[in-house]
Structure formats: C-alpha cells, structure tokens
Amino acid sequence: MDALLAPGWSQWGWLALWSTAGLLIGGAVGFSRGRLKFGLLLGFVLGPLVFFVMRAVESHLIECPECSRMIQRTARRCRHCGANLDQARRLTTRQKSKHHAMR
C-alpha cells in the first residue's frame, strides 16, 4: 500500500480518512432517501471495508524496477515497458548478497 500512501501518512491516518469519508457519503445518501441513521451506519462500516480491500489488492502488486508502474507480483515481464523481471530479481538478489558479505 506504500504506493497509495502519501508521505507522512500512516495506515491509521488512511483508515480514519476512509471511515470519515464513508460516514459522510453514507450520511448524505441516507439523508437524501430519508434514512439518515441507516446511511451513517452503512457508510461507517463500508468505509473501512474499502480500505482493507485496497490493502489486500495492493499486497499482490509490486513496482517495476524499470518504469516504476504497478504490476502483478508473479509477472515475468512488465506489461508496460516489457522489462524482464526475472533478470531484475536475480540482479537484486546478487546485490543483497554482496551487501551482506561486505558487512
């Protein structure tokens, strides 16, 4: 979810924002239909639900090392720029092992 988070915002800040937005939108819809309390309750429940769904979807995505776009974690090639991700993963693994050897 790091790609979706603004700098300086924590997960709790985003959860509070989604809850508040859900509450306000649900309240507005409920008020327009004459069911304010139901709209507020539904909005308060669905706001955090959307946040957790976004977290689950984001955990399946990674950033392409070449073009920095979001792609599936299991992809072998970037669908945007065509970068070979298997090769990039091998290079990253080698760099990490060299870094640990230097310590």
C-alpha atoms as a PDB file:
ATOM      1  CA  MET A   1       0.000   0.000   0.000  1.00  0.00           C
ATOM      2  CA  ASP A   2       3.053   2.200   0.149  1.00  0.00           C
ATOM      3  CA  ALA A   3       2.356   3.382  -3.393  1.00  0.00           C
ATOM      4  CA  LEU A   4      -1.046   4.650  -2.271  1.00  0.00           C
ATOM      5  CA  LEU A   5       0.108   6.312   0.928  1.00  0.00           C
ATOM      6  CA  ALA A   6       1.141   9.941   0.870  1.00  0.00           C
ATOM      7  CA  PRO A   7       4.423  10.758   2.631  1.00  0.00           C
ATOM      8  CA  GLY A   8       3.862  11.282   6.342  1.00  0.00           C
ATOM      9  CA  TRP A   9       0.528   9.436   6.436  1.00  0.00           C
ATOM     10  CA  SER A  10       0.265   6.278   8.498  1.00  0.00           C
ATOM     11  CA  GLN A  11      -2.061   3.363   7.896  1.00  0.00           C
ATOM     12  CA  TRP A  12      -4.188   4.571  10.799  1.00  0.00           C
ATOM     13  CA  GLY A  13      -4.484   8.005   9.234  1.00  0.00           C
ATOM     14  CA  TRP A  14      -5.745   6.481   5.995  1.00  0.00           C
ATOM     15  CA  LEU A  15      -8.152   4.228   7.887  1.00  0.00           C
ATOM     16  CA  ALA A  16      -9.551   7.261   9.717  1.00  0.00           C
ATOM     17  CA  LEU A  17      -9.867   9.129   6.421  1.00  0.00           C
ATOM     18  CA  TRP A  18     -11.742   6.243   4.739  1.00  0.00           C
ATOM     19  CA  SER A  19     -14.017   5.852   7.776  1.00  0.00           C
ATOM     20  CA  THR A  20     -14.841   9.544   7.787  1.00  0.00           C
ATOM     21  CA  ALA A  21     -15.400   9.647   4.027  1.00  0.00           C
ATOM     22  CA  GLY A  22     -17.637   6.581   4.224  1.00  0.00           C
ATOM     23  CA  LEU A  23     -19.572   8.126   7.088  1.00  0.00           C
ATOM     24  CA  LEU A  24     -20.113  11.398   5.220  1.00  0.00           C
ATOM     25  CA  ILE A  25     -21.051   9.781   1.918  1.00  0.00           C
ATOM     26  CA  GLY A  26     -23.317   7.248   3.620  1.00  0.00           C
ATOM     27  CA  GLY A  27     -24.941  10.039   5.624  1.00  0.00           C
ATOM     28  CA  ALA A  28     -25.553  12.108   2.504  1.00  0.00           C
ATOM     29  CA  VAL A  29     -27.108   9.182   0.641  1.00  0.00           C
ATOM     30  CA  GLY A  30     -29.150   8.166   3.688  1.00  0.00           C
ATOM     31  CA  PHE A  31     -30.370  11.734   4.198  1.00  0.00           C
ATOM     32  CA  SER A  32     -31.453  12.027   0.554  1.00  0.00           C
ATOM     33  CA  ARG A  33     -33.506   8.845   0.923  1.00  0.00           C
ATOM     34  CA  GLY A  34     -34.962   9.676   4.313  1.00  0.00           C
ATOM     35  CA  ARG A  35     -32.887   7.028   6.154  1.00  0.00           C
ATOM     36  CA  LEU A  36     -30.092   9.056   7.742  1.00  0.00           C
ATOM     37  CA  LYS A  37     -29.213   6.642  10.552  1.00  0.00           C
ATOM     38  CA  PHE A  38     -29.036   3.658   8.193  1.00  0.00           C
ATOM     39  CA  GLY A  39     -26.880   5.645   5.747  1.00  0.00           C
ATOM     40  CA  LEU A  40     -24.479   6.712   8.504  1.00  0.00           C
ATOM     41  CA  LEU A  41     -24.174   3.156   9.806  1.00  0.00           C
ATOM     42  CA  LEU A  42     -23.668   1.660   6.376  1.00  0.00           C
ATOM     43  CA  GLY A  43     -21.118   4.324   5.422  1.00  0.00           C
ATOM     44  CA  PHE A  44     -19.206   3.830   8.662  1.00  0.00           C
ATOM     45  CA  VAL A  45     -18.988   0.068   8.042  1.00  0.00           C
ATOM     46  CA  LEU A  46     -18.206   0.223   4.318  1.00  0.00           C
ATOM     47  CA  GLY A  47     -15.525   2.933   4.596  1.00  0.00           C
ATOM     48  CA  PRO A  48     -13.025   0.720   6.478  1.00  0.00           C
ATOM     49  CA  LEU A  49     -14.068  -2.288   4.393  1.00  0.00           C
ATOM     50  CA  VAL A  50     -12.924  -0.495   1.234  1.00  0.00           C
ATOM     51  CA  PHE A  51      -9.634   0.357   2.982  1.00  0.00           C
ATOM     52  CA  PHE A  52      -8.955  -3.300   3.797  1.00  0.00           C
ATOM     53  CA  VAL A  53      -9.888  -4.421   0.273  1.00  0.00           C
ATOM     54  CA  MET A  54      -7.404  -1.902  -1.126  1.00  0.00           C
ATOM     55  CA  ARG A  55      -4.719  -3.247   1.230  1.00  0.00           C
ATOM     56  CA  ALA A  56      -5.361  -6.801   0.032  1.00  0.00           C
ATOM     57  CA  VAL A  57      -5.174  -5.809  -3.631  1.00  0.00           C
ATOM     58  CA  GLU A  58      -2.034  -3.735  -3.102  1.00  0.00           C
ATOM     59  CA  SER A  59      -0.219  -6.675  -1.477  1.00  0.00           C
ATOM     60  CA  HIS A  60      -0.352  -8.507  -4.834  1.00  0.00           C
ATOM     61  CA  LEU A  61       1.355  -5.667  -6.687  1.00  0.00           C
ATOM     62  CA  ILE A  62       4.983  -4.600  -6.965  1.00  0.00           C
ATOM     63  CA  GLU A  63       6.697  -1.711  -8.683  1.00  0.00           C
ATOM     64  CA  CYS A  64       8.516  -2.383 -11.947  1.00  0.00           C
ATOM     65  CA  PRO A  65      12.230  -1.568 -11.489  1.00  0.00           C
ATOM     66  CA  GLU A  66      12.390  -0.026 -14.987  1.00  0.00           C
ATOM     67  CA  CYS A  67       9.240   2.085 -15.424  1.00  0.00           C
ATOM     68  CA  SER A  68       8.011   2.256 -11.776  1.00  0.00           C
ATOM     69  CA  ARG A  69       4.457   1.227 -12.673  1.00  0.00           C
ATOM     70  CA  MET A  70       2.487  -1.220 -10.554  1.00  0.00           C
ATOM     71  CA  ILE A  71       2.418  -4.815 -11.869  1.00  0.00           C
ATOM     72  CA  GLN A  72       1.443  -8.260 -10.577  1.00  0.00           C
ATOM     73  CA  ARG A  73       3.939  -9.767  -8.133  1.00  0.00           C
ATOM     74  CA  THR A  74       4.097 -13.013 -10.158  1.00  0.00           C
ATOM     75  CA  ALA A  75       4.724 -11.315 -13.528  1.00  0.00           C
ATOM     76  CA  ARG A  76       7.801 -12.333 -15.519  1.00  0.00           C
ATOM     77  CA  ARG A  77       7.715  -9.281 -17.779  1.00  0.00           C
ATOM     78  CA  CYS A  78       6.347  -5.796 -17.210  1.00  0.00           C
ATOM     79  CA  ARG A  79       3.217  -5.289 -19.272  1.00  0.00           C
ATOM     80  CA  HIS A  80       4.007  -1.582 -19.638  1.00  0.00           C
ATOM     81  CA  CYS A  81       7.662  -1.464 -20.660  1.00  0.00           C
ATOM     82  CA  GLY A  82       8.472  -5.146 -21.336  1.00  0.00           C
ATOM     83  CA  ALA A  83      11.293  -5.330 -18.764  1.00  0.00           C
ATOM     84  CA  ASN A  84      12.475  -8.845 -17.880  1.00  0.00           C
ATOM     85  CA  LEU A  85      11.588  -9.096 -14.198  1.00  0.00           C
ATOM     86  CA  ASP A  86      13.241 -12.492 -13.635  1.00  0.00           C
ATOM     87  CA  GLN A  87      16.575 -10.958 -14.595  1.00  0.00           C
ATOM     88  CA  ALA A  88      15.931  -7.921 -12.396  1.00  0.00           C
ATOM     89  CA  ARG A  89      15.105 -10.200  -9.437  1.00  0.00           C
ATOM     90  CA  ARG A  90      18.353 -12.133  -9.913  1.00  0.00           C
ATOM     91  CA  LEU A  91      20.354  -8.901 -10.008  1.00  0.00           C
ATOM     92  CA  THR A  92      18.605  -7.624  -6.867  1.00  0.00           C
ATOM     93  CA  THR A  93      19.338 -10.907  -5.062  1.00  0.00           C
ATOM     94  CA  ARG A  94      23.012 -10.685  -6.018  1.00  0.00           C
ATOM     95  CA  GLN A  95      23.236  -7.075  -4.836  1.00  0.00           C
ATOM     96  CA  LYS A  96      21.693  -8.024  -1.479  1.00  0.00           C
ATOM     97  CA  SER A  97      24.122 -10.917  -1.021  1.00  0.00           C
ATOM     98  CA  LYS A  98      27.087  -8.652  -1.856  1.00  0.00           C
ATOM     99  CA  HIS A  99      25.830  -6.058   0.615  1.00  0.00           C
ATOM    100  CA  HIS A 100      25.590  -8.668   3.402  1.00  0.00           C
ATOM    101  CA  ALA A 101      29.051 -10.017   2.550  1.00  0.00           C
ATOM    102  CA  MET A 102      30.553  -6.534   2.905  1.00  0.00           C
ATOM    103  CA  ARG A 103      29.315  -6.174   6.485  1.00  0.00           C
END
